[in-house]
Amino acid sequence: MILVNTDYITGKELEMIGLVKGSTIQSKNIGRDITQGFKTLVGGELTAYTEMMNSARALATKRMVEEAEKLHADAVINIRYASAAVMQGAAEVMAYGTAVKFK
């Protein structure tokens, strides 16, 4: 499966199948939240949250690819990511794009 954030793939003629997406909602771990709260006092990267968001993006991408595979797509183009707080302490991460077949 080819994944790109452009609306084309060089050398390929594409047939659009449709929108595919994957998402996950992640919540903060109370233990991590306390230690990361202390980190805000001195500044710097909140690595526990960085790891959580990287994991969430990977899972959302995996779910998007699975949806594309069910449609027998060869690739997903125009991939985008979005995130939003859905409640205090929890965020949704979504990956979406256009599933295509090669002509």
PDB file of N, CA and C in Angstrom:
ATOM      1  N   MET A   1       0.860  -1.176   0.000  1.00  0.00           N
ATOM      2  CA  MET A   1       0.000   0.000   0.000  1.00  0.00           C
ATOM      3  C   MET A   1       0.905   1.237   0.000  1.00  0.00           C
ATOM      4  N   ILE A   2       0.669   2.094  -0.970  1.00  0.00           N
ATOM      5  CA  ILE A   2       1.412   3.346  -1.061  1.00  0.00           C
ATOM      6  C   ILE A   2       0.614   4.422  -0.332  1.00  0.00           C
ATOM      7  N   LEU A   3       1.294   5.181   0.518  1.00  0.00           N
ATOM      8  CA  LEU A   3       0.661   6.259   1.280  1.00  0.00           C
ATOM      9  C   LEU A   3       1.401   7.556   0.977  1.00  0.00           C
ATOM     10  N   VAL A   4       0.670   8.565   0.484  1.00  0.00           N
ATOM     11  CA  VAL A   4       1.285   9.853   0.162  1.00  0.00           C
ATOM     12  C   VAL A   4       0.388  11.002   0.600  1.00  0.00           C
ATOM     13  N   ASN A   5       0.998  12.166   0.798  1.00  0.00           N
ATOM     14  CA  ASN A   5       0.203  13.337   1.158  1.00  0.00           C
ATOM     15  C   ASN A   5       0.007  14.262  -0.044  1.00  0.00           C
ATOM     16  N   THR A   6       0.317  13.779  -1.241  1.00  0.00           N
ATOM     17  CA  THR A   6       0.083  14.523  -2.474  1.00  0.00           C
ATOM     18  C   THR A   6      -1.189  14.001  -3.136  1.00  0.00           C
ATOM     19  N   ASP A   7      -1.674  14.732  -4.153  1.00  0.00           N
ATOM     20  CA  ASP A   7      -2.887  14.278  -4.830  1.00  0.00           C
ATOM     21  C   ASP A   7      -2.576  13.477  -6.098  1.00  0.00           C
ATOM     22  N   TYR A   8      -1.348  13.007  -6.204  1.00  0.00           N
ATOM     23  CA  TYR A   8      -0.937  12.198  -7.347  1.00  0.00           C
ATOM     24  C   TYR A   8       0.208  11.273  -6.922  1.00  0.00           C
ATOM     25  N   ILE A   9       0.471  10.274  -7.750  1.00  0.00           N
ATOM     26  CA  ILE A   9       1.641   9.417  -7.585  1.00  0.00           C
ATOM     27  C   ILE A   9       2.324   9.416  -8.947  1.00  0.00           C
ATOM     28  N   THR A  10       3.538   9.898  -9.000  1.00  0.00           N
ATOM     29  CA  THR A  10       4.273  10.036 -10.251  1.00  0.00           C
ATOM     30  C   THR A  10       4.277   8.732 -11.037  1.00  0.00           C
ATOM     31  N   GLY A  11       3.890   8.842 -12.305  1.00  0.00           N
ATOM     32  CA  GLY A  11       3.911   7.686 -13.193  1.00  0.00           C
ATOM     33  C   GLY A  11       2.700   6.772 -13.088  1.00  0.00           C
ATOM     34  N   LYS A  12       1.727   7.134 -12.263  1.00  0.00           N
ATOM     35  CA  LYS A  12       0.538   6.289 -12.095  1.00  0.00           C
ATOM     36  C   LYS A  12      -0.714   7.062 -12.493  1.00  0.00           C
ATOM     37  N   GLU A  13      -1.604   6.379 -13.210  1.00  0.00           N
ATOM     38  CA  GLU A  13      -2.922   6.942 -13.491  1.00  0.00           C
ATOM     39  C   GLU A  13      -3.859   6.371 -12.440  1.00  0.00           C
ATOM     40  N   LEU A  14      -4.624   7.245 -11.787  1.00  0.00           N
ATOM     41  CA  LEU A  14      -5.406   6.846 -10.622  1.00  0.00           C
ATOM     42  C   LEU A  14      -6.904   6.864 -10.877  1.00  0.00           C
ATOM     43  N   GLU A  15      -7.582   5.905 -10.265  1.00  0.00           N
ATOM     44  CA  GLU A  15      -9.041   5.863 -10.245  1.00  0.00           C
ATOM     45  C   GLU A  15      -9.459   6.035  -8.787  1.00  0.00           C
ATOM     46  N   MET A  16     -10.223   7.069  -8.505  1.00  0.00           N
ATOM     47  CA  MET A  16     -10.646   7.352  -7.130  1.00  0.00           C
ATOM     48  C   MET A  16     -11.663   6.317  -6.667  1.00  0.00           C
ATOM     49  N   ILE A  17     -11.476   5.843  -5.446  1.00  0.00           N
ATOM     50  CA  ILE A  17     -12.445   4.931  -4.834  1.00  0.00           C
ATOM     51  C   ILE A  17     -13.297   5.698  -3.830  1.00  0.00           C
ATOM     52  N   GLY A  18     -12.642   6.427  -2.939  1.00  0.00           N
ATOM     53  CA  GLY A  18     -13.391   7.200  -1.965  1.00  0.00           C
ATOM     54  C   GLY A  18     -12.587   7.503  -0.717  1.00  0.00           C
ATOM     55  N   LEU A  19     -13.211   8.216   0.188  1.00  0.00           N
ATOM     56  CA  LEU A  19     -12.593   8.629   1.448  1.00  0.00           C
ATOM     57  C   LEU A  19     -12.398   7.428   2.361  1.00  0.00           C
ATOM     58  N   VAL A  20     -11.216   7.353   2.969  1.00  0.00           N
ATOM     59  CA  VAL A  20     -10.960   6.355   4.008  1.00  0.00           C
ATOM     60  C   VAL A  20     -10.404   7.081   5.218  1.00  0.00           C
ATOM     61  N   LYS A  21     -10.693   6.527   6.394  1.00  0.00           N
ATOM     62  CA  LYS A  21     -10.205   7.173   7.612  1.00  0.00           C
ATOM     63  C   LYS A  21      -9.970   6.140   8.685  1.00  0.00           C
ATOM     64  N   GLY A  22      -9.179   6.561   9.655  1.00  0.00           N
ATOM     65  CA  GLY A  22      -8.929   5.751  10.837  1.00  0.00           C
ATOM     66  C   GLY A  22      -8.772   6.702  12.002  1.00  0.00           C
ATOM     67  N   SER A  23      -9.218   6.286  13.156  1.00  0.00           N
ATOM     68  CA  SER A  23      -9.087   7.174  14.318  1.00  0.00           C
ATOM     69  C   SER A  23      -8.901   6.374  15.590  1.00  0.00           C
ATOM     70  N   THR A  24      -8.464   7.073  16.602  1.00  0.00           N
ATOM     71  CA  THR A  24      -8.334   6.504  17.937  1.00  0.00           C
ATOM     72  C   THR A  24      -8.496   7.632  18.935  1.00  0.00           C
ATOM     73  N   ILE A  25      -8.941   7.301  20.109  1.00  0.00           N
ATOM     74  CA  ILE A  25      -9.033   8.271  21.195  1.00  0.00           C
ATOM     75  C   ILE A  25      -8.112   7.783  22.306  1.00  0.00           C
ATOM     76  N   GLN A  26      -7.191   8.630  22.690  1.00  0.00           N
ATOM     77  CA  GLN A  26      -6.214   8.290  23.717  1.00  0.00           C
ATOM     78  C   GLN A  26      -6.468   9.155  24.951  1.00  0.00           C
ATOM     79  N   SER A  27      -6.283   8.560  26.111  1.00  0.00           N
ATOM     80  CA  SER A  27      -6.409   9.338  27.352  1.00  0.00           C
ATOM     81  C   SER A  27      -5.072   9.356  28.070  1.00  0.00           C
ATOM     82  N   LYS A  28      -4.921  10.357  28.898  1.00  0.00           N
ATOM     83  CA  LYS A  28      -3.681  10.499  29.655  1.00  0.00           C
ATOM     84  C   LYS A  28      -3.653   9.501  30.805  1.00  0.00           C
ATOM     85  N   ASN A  29      -2.468   9.006  31.097  1.00  0.00           N
ATOM     86  CA  ASN A  29      -2.237   8.141  32.245  1.00  0.00           C
ATOM     87  C   ASN A  29      -2.003   9.052  33.458  1.00  0.00           C
ATOM     88  N   ILE A  30      -2.699   8.837  34.554  1.00  0.00           N
ATOM     89  CA  ILE A  30      -2.608   9.723  35.720  1.00  0.00           C
ATOM     90  C   ILE A  30      -1.175   9.828  36.248  1.00  0.00           C
ATOM     91  N   GLY A  31      -0.430   8.723  36.224  1.00  0.00           N
ATOM     92  CA  GLY A  31       0.964   8.762  36.670  1.00  0.00           C
ATOM     93  C   GLY A  31       1.821   9.616  35.753  1.00  0.00           C
ATOM     94  N   ARG A  32       1.631   9.433  34.450  1.00  0.00           N
ATOM     95  CA  ARG A  32       2.367  10.249  33.484  1.00  0.00           C
ATOM     96  C   ARG A  32       1.962  11.716  33.598  1.00  0.00           C
ATOM     97  N   ASP A  33       0.679  11.936  33.832  1.00  0.00           N
ATOM     98  CA  ASP A  33       0.173  13.305  33.910  1.00  0.00           C
ATOM     99  C   ASP A  33       0.849  14.070  35.045  1.00  0.00           C
ATOM    100  N   ILE A  34       1.043  13.415  36.168  1.00  0.00           N
ATOM    101  CA  ILE A  34       1.689  14.065  37.318  1.00  0.00           C
ATOM    102  C   ILE A  34       3.141  14.388  36.990  1.00  0.00           C
ATOM    103  N   THR A  35       3.873  13.412  36.436  1.00  0.00           N
ATOM    104  CA  THR A  35       5.286  13.662  36.126  1.00  0.00           C
ATOM    105  C   THR A  35       5.443  14.691  35.017  1.00  0.00           C
ATOM    106  N   GLN A  36       4.547  14.669  34.041  1.00  0.00           N
ATOM    107  CA  GLN A  36       4.627  15.655  32.964  1.00  0.00           C
ATOM    108  C   GLN A  36       4.240  17.042  33.474  1.00  0.00           C
ATOM    109  N   GLY A  37       3.373  17.086  34.488  1.00  0.00           N
ATOM    110  CA  GLY A  37       3.022  18.366  35.113  1.00  0.00           C
ATOM    111  C   GLY A  37       4.230  19.018  35.757  1.00  0.00           C
ATOM    112  N   PHE A  38       5.061  18.213  36.406  1.00  0.00           N
ATOM    113  CA  PHE A  38       6.298  18.752  36.989  1.00  0.00           C
ATOM    114  C   PHE A  38       7.232  19.266  35.899  1.00  0.00           C
ATOM    115  N   LYS A  39       7.237  18.582  34.757  1.00  0.00           N
ATOM    116  CA  LYS A  39       8.106  18.976  33.655  1.00  0.00           C
ATOM    117  C   LYS A  39       7.742  20.376  33.145  1.00  0.00           C
ATOM    118  N   THR A  40       6.476  20.745  33.229  1.00  0.00           N
ATOM    119  CA  THR A  40       6.073  22.065  32.745  1.00  0.00           C
ATOM    120  C   THR A  40       6.673  23.185  33.589  1.00  0.00           C
ATOM    121  N   LEU A  41       7.094  22.864  34.798  1.00  0.00           N
ATOM    122  CA  LEU A  41       7.716  23.877  35.659  1.00  0.00           C
ATOM    123  C   LEU A  41       9.100  24.273  35.164  1.00  0.00           C
ATOM    124  N   VAL A  42       9.831  23.329  34.583  1.00  0.00           N
ATOM    125  CA  VAL A  42      11.200  23.607  34.133  1.00  0.00           C
ATOM    126  C   VAL A  42      11.304  23.750  32.623  1.00  0.00           C
ATOM    127  N   GLY A  43      10.270  23.388  31.902  1.00  0.00           N
ATOM    128  CA  GLY A  43      10.273  23.499  30.449  1.00  0.00           C
ATOM    129  C   GLY A  43      10.862  22.272  29.779  1.00  0.00           C
ATOM    130  N   GLY A  44      10.721  22.208  28.486  1.00  0.00           N
ATOM    131  CA  GLY A  44      11.245  21.096  27.710  1.00  0.00           C
ATOM    132  C   GLY A  44      10.142  20.243  27.124  1.00  0.00           C
ATOM    133  N   GLU A  45      10.550  19.254  26.372  1.00  0.00           N
ATOM    134  CA  GLU A  45       9.595  18.374  25.703  1.00  0.00           C
ATOM    135  C   GLU A  45       8.902  17.456  26.702  1.00  0.00           C
ATOM    136  N   LEU A  46       7.613  17.275  26.512  1.00  0.00           N
ATOM    137  CA  LEU A  46       6.833  16.340  27.329  1.00  0.00           C
ATOM    138  C   LEU A  46       6.857  14.993  26.594  1.00  0.00           C
ATOM    139  N   THR A  47       7.917  14.242  26.823  1.00  0.00           N
ATOM    140  CA  THR A  47       8.172  13.029  26.034  1.00  0.00           C
ATOM    141  C   THR A  47       7.076  11.976  26.172  1.00  0.00           C
ATOM    142  N   ALA A  48       6.467  11.853  27.322  1.00  0.00           N
ATOM    143  CA  ALA A  48       5.402  10.858  27.494  1.00  0.00           C
ATOM    144  C   ALA A  48       4.225  11.193  26.585  1.00  0.00           C
ATOM    145  N   TYR A  49       3.915  12.475  26.432  1.00  0.00           N
ATOM    146  CA  TYR A  49       2.828  12.879  25.546  1.00  0.00           C
ATOM    147  C   TYR A  49       3.237  12.759  24.084  1.00  0.00           C
ATOM    148  N   THR A  50       4.487  13.035  23.783  1.00  0.00           N
ATOM    149  CA  THR A  50       4.978  12.863  22.416  1.00  0.00           C
ATOM    150  C   THR A  50       4.836  11.407  22.006  1.00  0.00           C
ATOM    151  N   GLU A  51       5.255  10.500  22.885  1.00  0.00           N
ATOM    152  CA  GLU A  51       5.130   9.065  22.602  1.00  0.00           C
ATOM    153  C   GLU A  51       3.674   8.659  22.444  1.00  0.00           C
ATOM    154  N   MET A  52       2.795   9.189  23.298  1.00  0.00           N
ATOM    155  CA  MET A  52       1.377   8.857  23.218  1.00  0.00           C
ATOM    156  C   MET A  52       0.795   9.310  21.879  1.00  0.00           C
ATOM    157  N   MET A  53       1.129  10.524  21.438  1.00  0.00           N
ATOM    158  CA  MET A  53       0.590  11.039  20.180  1.00  0.00           C
ATOM    159  C   MET A  53       1.182  10.297  18.978  1.00  0.00           C
ATOM    160  N   ASN A  54       2.465   9.932  19.032  1.00  0.00           N
ATOM    161  CA  ASN A  54       3.062   9.143  17.953  1.00  0.00           C
ATOM    162  C   ASN A  54       2.376   7.795  17.829  1.00  0.00           C
ATOM    163  N   SER A  55       2.098   7.174  18.959  1.00  0.00           N
ATOM    164  CA  SER A  55       1.398   5.890  18.973  1.00  0.00           C
ATOM    165  C   SER A  55      -0.020   6.042  18.422  1.00  0.00           C
ATOM    166  N   ALA A  56      -0.694   7.107  18.805  1.00  0.00           N
ATOM    167  CA  ALA A  56      -2.057   7.356  18.328  1.00  0.00           C
ATOM    168  C   ALA A  56      -2.074   7.585  16.816  1.00  0.00           C
ATOM    169  N   ARG A  57      -1.109   8.345  16.288  1.00  0.00           N
ATOM    170  CA  ARG A  57      -1.043   8.573  14.838  1.00  0.00           C
ATOM    171  C   ARG A  57      -0.784   7.268  14.097  1.00  0.00           C
ATOM    172  N   ALA A  58       0.102   6.436  14.641  1.00  0.00           N
ATOM    173  CA  ALA A  58       0.401   5.148  14.006  1.00  0.00           C
ATOM    174  C   ALA A  58      -0.839   4.246  13.977  1.00  0.00           C
ATOM    175  N   LEU A  59      -1.590   4.218  15.059  1.00  0.00           N
ATOM    176  CA  LEU A  59      -2.796   3.392  15.121  1.00  0.00           C
ATOM    177  C   LEU A  59      -3.868   3.935  14.169  1.00  0.00           C
ATOM    178  N   ALA A  60      -4.047   5.246  14.124  1.00  0.00           N
ATOM    179  CA  ALA A  60      -5.023   5.842  13.210  1.00  0.00           C
ATOM    180  C   ALA A  60      -4.648   5.541  11.762  1.00  0.00           C
ATOM    181  N   THR A  61      -3.363   5.619  11.434  1.00  0.00           N
ATOM    182  CA  THR A  61      -2.895   5.315  10.073  1.00  0.00           C
ATOM    183  C   THR A  61      -3.160   3.852   9.744  1.00  0.00           C
ATOM    184  N   LYS A  62      -2.859   2.960  10.675  1.00  0.00           N
ATOM    185  CA  LYS A  62      -3.095   1.520  10.478  1.00  0.00           C
ATOM    186  C   LYS A  62      -4.569   1.256  10.186  1.00  0.00           C
ATOM    187  N   ARG A  63      -5.458   1.884  10.928  1.00  0.00           N
ATOM    188  CA  ARG A  63      -6.895   1.688  10.727  1.00  0.00           C
ATOM    189  C   ARG A  63      -7.353   2.256   9.385  1.00  0.00           C
ATOM    190  N   MET A  64      -6.765   3.379   8.959  1.00  0.00           N
ATOM    191  CA  MET A  64      -7.091   3.956   7.652  1.00  0.00           C
ATOM    192  C   MET A  64      -6.663   2.985   6.549  1.00  0.00           C
ATOM    193  N   VAL A  65      -5.471   2.424   6.662  1.00  0.00           N
ATOM    194  CA  VAL A  65      -4.966   1.473   5.668  1.00  0.00           C
ATOM    195  C   VAL A  65      -5.856   0.235   5.621  1.00  0.00           C
ATOM    196  N   GLU A  66      -6.281  -0.267   6.760  1.00  0.00           N
ATOM    197  CA  GLU A  66      -7.168  -1.433   6.797  1.00  0.00           C
ATOM    198  C   GLU A  66      -8.472  -1.151   6.060  1.00  0.00           C
ATOM    199  N   GLU A  67      -9.017   0.064   6.230  1.00  0.00           N
ATOM    200  CA  GLU A  67     -10.244   0.443   5.532  1.00  0.00           C
ATOM    201  C   GLU A  67      -9.993   0.484   4.023  1.00  0.00           C
ATOM    202  N   ALA A  68      -8.835   1.026   3.619  1.00  0.00           N
ATOM    203  CA  ALA A  68      -8.490   1.083   2.193  1.00  0.00           C
ATOM    204  C   ALA A  68      -8.315  -0.323   1.617  1.00  0.00           C
ATOM    205  N   GLU A  69      -7.698  -1.212   2.371  1.00  0.00           N
ATOM    206  CA  GLU A  69      -7.498  -2.590   1.903  1.00  0.00           C
ATOM    207  C   GLU A  69      -8.831  -3.299   1.685  1.00  0.00           C
ATOM    208  N   LYS A  70      -9.819  -3.017   2.530  1.00  0.00           N
ATOM    209  CA  LYS A  70     -11.149  -3.615   2.352  1.00  0.00           C
ATOM    210  C   LYS A  70     -11.785  -3.179   1.041  1.00  0.00           C
ATOM    211  N   LEU A  71     -11.397  -1.992   0.547  1.00  0.00           N
ATOM    212  CA  LEU A  71     -11.902  -1.481  -0.724  1.00  0.00           C
ATOM    213  C   LEU A  71     -11.010  -1.895  -1.899  1.00  0.00           C
ATOM    214  N   HIS A  72      -9.988  -2.713  -1.618  1.00  0.00           N
ATOM    215  CA  HIS A  72      -9.024  -3.190  -2.614  1.00  0.00           C
ATOM    216  C   HIS A  72      -8.256  -2.040  -3.251  1.00  0.00           C
ATOM    217  N   ALA A  73      -7.946  -1.037  -2.475  1.00  0.00           N
ATOM    218  CA  ALA A  73      -7.182   0.112  -2.958  1.00  0.00           C
ATOM    219  C   ALA A  73      -5.716  -0.263  -3.118  1.00  0.00           C
ATOM    220  N   ASP A  74      -5.055   0.414  -4.032  1.00  0.00           N
ATOM    221  CA  ASP A  74      -3.618   0.242  -4.221  1.00  0.00           C
ATOM    222  C   ASP A  74      -2.831   1.286  -3.443  1.00  0.00           C
ATOM    223  N   ALA A  75      -3.487   2.404  -3.137  1.00  0.00           N
ATOM    224  CA  ALA A  75      -2.802   3.507  -2.463  1.00  0.00           C
ATOM    225  C   ALA A  75      -3.825   4.408  -1.779  1.00  0.00           C
ATOM    226  N   VAL A  76      -3.307   5.254  -0.897  1.00  0.00           N
ATOM    227  CA  VAL A  76      -4.118   6.323  -0.298  1.00  0.00           C
ATOM    228  C   VAL A  76      -3.357   7.619  -0.561  1.00  0.00           C
ATOM    229  N   ILE A  77      -4.036   8.567  -1.194  1.00  0.00           N
ATOM    230  CA  ILE A  77      -3.425   9.850  -1.505  1.00  0.00           C
ATOM    231  C   ILE A  77      -4.038  10.946  -0.643  1.00  0.00           C
ATOM    232  N   ASN A  78      -3.405  12.109  -0.644  1.00  0.00           N
ATOM    233  CA  ASN A  78      -3.896  13.272   0.109  1.00  0.00           C
ATOM    234  C   ASN A  78      -4.103  12.965   1.591  1.00  0.00           C
ATOM    235  N   ILE A  79      -3.203  12.226   2.182  1.00  0.00           N
ATOM    236  CA  ILE A  79      -3.350  11.858   3.592  1.00  0.00           C
ATOM    237  C   ILE A  79      -3.182  13.085   4.471  1.00  0.00           C
ATOM    238  N   ARG A  80      -4.065  13.216   5.431  1.00  0.00           N
ATOM    239  CA  ARG A  80      -4.034  14.311   6.394  1.00  0.00           C
ATOM    240  C   ARG A  80      -4.270  13.736   7.783  1.00  0.00           C
ATOM    241  N   TYR A  81      -3.812  14.480   8.783  1.00  0.00           N
ATOM    242  CA  TYR A  81      -4.021  14.108  10.180  1.00  0.00           C
ATOM    243  C   TYR A  81      -4.724  15.258  10.886  1.00  0.00           C
ATOM    244  N   ALA A  82      -5.577  14.907  11.827  1.00  0.00           N
ATOM    245  CA  ALA A  82      -6.257  15.912  12.636  1.00  0.00           C
ATOM    246  C   ALA A  82      -6.330  15.390  14.061  1.00  0.00           C
ATOM    247  N   SER A  83      -6.341  16.301  14.999  1.00  0.00           N
ATOM    248  CA  SER A  83      -6.524  15.899  16.400  1.00  0.00           C
ATOM    249  C   SER A  83      -7.418  16.915  17.080  1.00  0.00           C
ATOM    250  N   ALA A  84      -8.131  16.432  18.080  1.00  0.00           N
ATOM    251  CA  ALA A  84      -9.031  17.294  18.815  1.00  0.00           C
ATOM    252  C   ALA A  84      -9.261  16.724  20.205  1.00  0.00           C
ATOM    253  N   ALA A  85      -9.447  17.606  21.163  1.00  0.00           N
ATOM    254  CA  ALA A  85      -9.804  17.167  22.512  1.00  0.00           C
ATOM    255  C   ALA A  85     -11.279  16.768  22.480  1.00  0.00           C
ATOM    256  N   VAL A  86     -11.587  15.577  22.983  1.00  0.00           N
ATOM    257  CA  VAL A  86     -12.977  15.127  23.006  1.00  0.00           C
ATOM    258  C   VAL A  86     -13.583  15.234  24.408  1.00  0.00           C
ATOM    259  N   MET A  87     -12.716  15.305  25.400  1.00  0.00           N
ATOM    260  CA  MET A  87     -13.112  15.541  26.779  1.00  0.00           C
ATOM    261  C   MET A  87     -11.841  15.869  27.538  1.00  0.00           C
ATOM    262  N   GLN A  88     -11.961  16.326  28.744  1.00  0.00           N
ATOM    263  CA  GLN A  88     -10.755  16.664  29.498  1.00  0.00           C
ATOM    264  C   GLN A  88      -9.896  15.419  29.683  1.00  0.00           C
ATOM    265  N   GLY A  89      -8.658  15.508  29.248  1.00  0.00           N
ATOM    266  CA  GLY A  89      -7.728  14.399  29.421  1.00  0.00           C
ATOM    267  C   GLY A  89      -7.764  13.365  28.321  1.00  0.00           C
ATOM    268  N   ALA A  90      -8.535  13.599  27.235  1.00  0.00           N
ATOM    269  CA  ALA A  90      -8.590  12.635  26.136  1.00  0.00           C
ATOM    270  C   ALA A  90      -8.592  13.382  24.806  1.00  0.00           C
ATOM    271  N   ALA A  91      -7.881  12.824  23.836  1.00  0.00           N
ATOM    272  CA  ALA A  91      -7.802  13.433  22.517  1.00  0.00           C
ATOM    273  C   ALA A  91      -8.034  12.390  21.435  1.00  0.00           C
ATOM    274  N   GLU A  92      -8.693  12.809  20.369  1.00  0.00           N
ATOM    275  CA  GLU A  92      -8.878  11.956  19.204  1.00  0.00           C
ATOM    276  C   GLU A  92      -7.822  12.322  18.172  1.00  0.00           C
ATOM    277  N   VAL A  93      -7.262  11.316  17.542  1.00  0.00           N
ATOM    278  CA  VAL A  93      -6.369  11.516  16.413  1.00  0.00           C
ATOM    279  C   VAL A  93      -7.000  10.788  15.229  1.00  0.00           C
ATOM    280  N   MET A  94      -7.112  11.502  14.105  1.00  0.00           N
ATOM    281  CA  MET A  94      -7.715  10.925  12.914  1.00  0.00           C
ATOM    282  C   MET A  94      -6.752  11.052  11.742  1.00  0.00           C
ATOM    283  N   ALA A  95      -6.662   9.990  10.951  1.00  0.00           N
ATOM    284  CA  ALA A  95      -5.936   9.981   9.686  1.00  0.00           C
ATOM    285  C   ALA A  95      -6.961   9.771   8.602  1.00  0.00           C
ATOM    286  N   TYR A  96      -6.889  10.548   7.520  1.00  0.00           N
ATOM    287  CA  TYR A  96      -7.853  10.372   6.440  1.00  0.00           C
ATOM    288  C   TYR A  96      -7.205  10.705   5.103  1.00  0.00           C
ATOM    289  N   GLY A  97      -7.749  10.137   4.062  1.00  0.00           N
ATOM    290  CA  GLY A  97      -7.232  10.358   2.730  1.00  0.00           C
ATOM    291  C   GLY A  97      -8.167   9.745   1.694  1.00  0.00           C
ATOM    292  N   THR A  98      -7.732   9.743   0.437  1.00  0.00           N
ATOM    293  CA  THR A  98      -8.525   9.215  -0.663  1.00  0.00           C
ATOM    294  C   THR A  98      -7.933   7.894  -1.125  1.00  0.00           C
ATOM    295  N   ALA A  99      -8.739   6.852  -1.072  1.00  0.00           N
ATOM    296  CA  ALA A  99      -8.313   5.537  -1.553  1.00  0.00           C
ATOM    297  C   ALA A  99      -8.388   5.539  -3.077  1.00  0.00           C
ATOM    298  N   VAL A 100      -7.352   4.980  -3.718  1.00  0.00           N
ATOM    299  CA  VAL A 100      -7.309   4.931  -5.180  1.00  0.00           C
ATOM    300  C   VAL A 100      -6.834   3.564  -5.663  1.00  0.00           C
ATOM    301  N   LYS A 101      -7.211   3.257  -6.906  1.00  0.00           N
ATOM    302  CA  LYS A 101      -6.697   2.075  -7.602  1.00  0.00           C
ATOM    303  C   LYS A 101      -5.878   2.580  -8.777  1.00  0.00           C
ATOM    304  N   PHE A 102      -4.882   1.792  -9.166  1.00  0.00           N
ATOM    305  CA  PHE A 102      -4.088   2.121 -10.351  1.00  0.00           C
ATOM    306  C   PHE A 102      -4.834   1.629 -11.583  1.00  0.00           C
ATOM    307  N   LYS A 103      -4.838   2.463 -12.623  1.00  0.00           N
ATOM    308  CA  LYS A 103      -5.486   2.060 -13.890  1.00  0.00           C
ATOM    309  C   LYS A 103      -4.530   1.213 -14.707  1.00  0.00           C
TER     310      LYS A 103
END
